[in-house]
Amino acid sequence: MLNSFQYLSPPCSGVFRHSLHGELISYLAHLPMPTTPSTELLLEIYNRLLEKIGHRNLWPVEYDSGKDAGFEISAGAILVQNTNWNNAKRALVNLRDAGIWGYKAVHEANDEDLTEAIRSSGY
């Protein structure tokens, strides 16, 4: 179906056992990649990687569940852009402690409380 990504099957098995960052990136860097990959192509890549290496649980989620599932990951991803993970994590704890947890809670929070809760992240 997508010939340019046939290489994701056999040759990568040893690469995945070692280092996803270094070896895989250097292995894939020389191969052609469309500059505007389609959703179909990205999903195929994702599904092949998922099948090959499984879920990696790379994001440290502590609070997320229920209707606000995903908020911790989304908020953490935004907060860490301006600082290191320790300060972003402190901001997440502050948000949780201040009762500003979830997309709706952030939207409804007053500016002063929100600003104070995320101050450790540099925003």
Protein backbone atom coordinates (compact mmCIF):
# COMPACT_ATOMS: atom_id res chain seq x y z
CA MET A 1 0.00 0.00 0.00
CA LEU A 2 2.62 2.56 1.05
CA ASN A 3 5.85 1.36 -0.51
CA SER A 4 8.09 4.06 0.96
CA PHE A 5 7.40 2.68 4.44
CA GLN A 6 7.92 -1.01 3.74
CA TYR A 7 11.20 -0.67 5.64
CA LEU A 8 9.39 -0.40 8.95
CA SER A 9 8.88 -4.16 9.12
CA PRO A 10 11.94 -6.46 9.27
CA PRO A 11 15.02 -4.19 9.45
CA CYS A 12 13.93 -2.22 12.51
CA SER A 13 13.49 -5.11 14.95
CA GLY A 14 17.02 -4.73 16.33
CA VAL A 15 16.80 -0.94 16.34
CA PHE A 16 13.73 -0.94 18.55
CA ARG A 17 15.49 -3.12 21.09
CA HIS A 18 18.16 -0.49 21.62
CA SER A 19 17.40 3.17 21.13
CA LEU A 20 14.33 4.73 19.57
CA HIS A 21 15.95 8.14 19.52
CA GLY A 22 19.42 7.70 18.10
CA GLU A 23 19.58 4.62 15.95
CA LEU A 24 16.03 4.72 14.57
CA ILE A 25 16.28 8.38 13.62
CA SER A 26 19.63 7.90 11.91
CA TYR A 27 18.28 4.79 10.14
CA LEU A 28 15.19 6.62 8.87
CA ALA A 29 16.85 9.97 8.12
CA HIS A 30 18.22 8.98 4.73
CA LEU A 31 14.95 7.49 3.49
CA PRO A 32 12.50 9.56 1.45
CA MET A 33 9.63 11.11 3.39
CA PRO A 34 6.83 13.18 1.92
CA THR A 35 6.92 16.82 3.02
CA THR A 36 3.17 16.78 3.61
CA PRO A 37 2.26 13.27 4.79
CA SER A 38 -1.42 12.37 4.63
CA THR A 39 -3.44 11.34 7.66
CA GLU A 40 -3.57 7.85 6.17
CA LEU A 41 0.21 7.69 5.94
CA LEU A 42 0.73 8.98 9.48
CA LEU A 43 -1.79 6.50 10.85
CA GLU A 44 -0.10 3.65 9.00
CA ILE A 45 3.27 4.64 10.44
CA TYR A 46 1.78 4.94 13.91
CA ASN A 47 0.01 1.57 13.66
CA ARG A 48 3.15 -0.19 12.40
CA LEU A 49 5.21 1.27 15.21
CA LEU A 50 2.51 0.40 17.75
CA GLU A 51 2.38 -3.17 16.46
CA LYS A 52 6.17 -3.45 16.52
CA ILE A 53 6.94 -1.90 19.91
CA GLY A 54 3.59 -1.67 21.72
CA HIS A 55 2.43 1.13 23.98
CA ARG A 56 5.40 2.89 25.55
CA ASN A 57 3.61 4.84 28.33
CA LEU A 58 6.13 7.63 27.92
CA TRP A 59 4.09 10.38 29.52
CA PRO A 60 4.00 10.31 33.34
CA VAL A 61 0.28 10.68 34.10
CA GLU A 62 -0.65 10.96 37.77
CA TYR A 63 -4.13 12.49 37.95
CA ASP A 64 -5.92 12.02 34.64
CA SER A 65 -9.08 9.98 34.48
CA GLY A 66 -12.73 10.14 33.55
CA LYS A 67 -14.17 13.09 31.66
CA ASP A 68 -10.90 15.03 31.81
CA ALA A 69 -8.81 12.24 30.31
CA GLY A 70 -6.05 13.79 28.26
CA PHE A 71 -6.01 17.11 30.10
CA GLU A 72 -2.88 16.30 32.08
CA ILE A 73 -0.98 15.33 28.95
CA SER A 74 -2.20 18.36 27.00
CA ALA A 75 -1.54 20.83 29.81
CA GLY A 76 1.84 19.26 30.60
CA ALA A 77 2.88 19.40 26.96
CA ILE A 78 2.07 23.10 26.84
CA LEU A 79 3.63 23.97 30.20
CA VAL A 80 6.90 22.13 29.55
CA GLN A 81 7.55 24.19 26.39
CA ASN A 82 8.71 27.12 28.50
CA THR A 83 10.66 25.30 31.24
CA ASN A 84 11.99 21.94 32.42
CA TRP A 85 9.77 19.02 33.43
CA ASN A 86 10.15 19.61 37.18
CA ASN A 87 8.70 23.12 36.92
CA ALA A 88 5.94 21.98 34.55
CA LYS A 89 5.05 19.17 36.95
CA ARG A 90 4.93 21.66 39.82
CA ALA A 91 2.51 23.77 37.77
CA LEU A 92 0.30 20.71 37.17
CA VAL A 93 0.26 19.98 40.91
CA ASN A 94 -0.62 23.62 41.59
CA LEU A 95 -3.46 23.49 39.06
CA ARG A 96 -4.81 20.33 40.66
CA ASP A 97 -4.50 21.74 44.19
CA ALA A 98 -6.22 24.97 43.12
CA GLY A 99 -9.15 23.01 41.67
CA ILE A 100 -8.31 24.17 38.15
CA TRP A 101 -8.32 20.72 36.59
CA GLY A 102 -9.80 20.08 33.19
CA TYR A 103 -10.43 22.15 30.11
CA LYS A 104 -13.63 23.71 31.45
CA ALA A 105 -11.99 24.55 34.78
CA VAL A 106 -9.15 26.37 33.00
CA HIS A 107 -11.64 28.25 30.84
CA GLU A 108 -13.68 29.32 33.87
CA ALA A 109 -10.75 30.12 36.21
CA ASN A 110 -10.02 33.75 36.95
CA ASP A 111 -6.78 35.07 35.52
CA GLU A 112 -5.07 35.66 38.87
CA ASP A 113 -5.63 32.09 40.13
CA LEU A 114 -4.56 30.57 36.83
CA THR A 115 -1.47 32.77 36.63
CA GLU A 116 -0.43 31.87 40.16
CA ALA A 117 -0.97 28.14 39.58
CA ILE A 118 1.25 27.99 36.48
CA ARG A 119 3.88 30.54 37.57
CA SER A 120 6.50 27.82 38.14
CA SER A 121 6.36 26.96 34.44
CA GLY A 122 7.41 30.47 33.42
CA TYR A 123 4.08 31.64 32.00
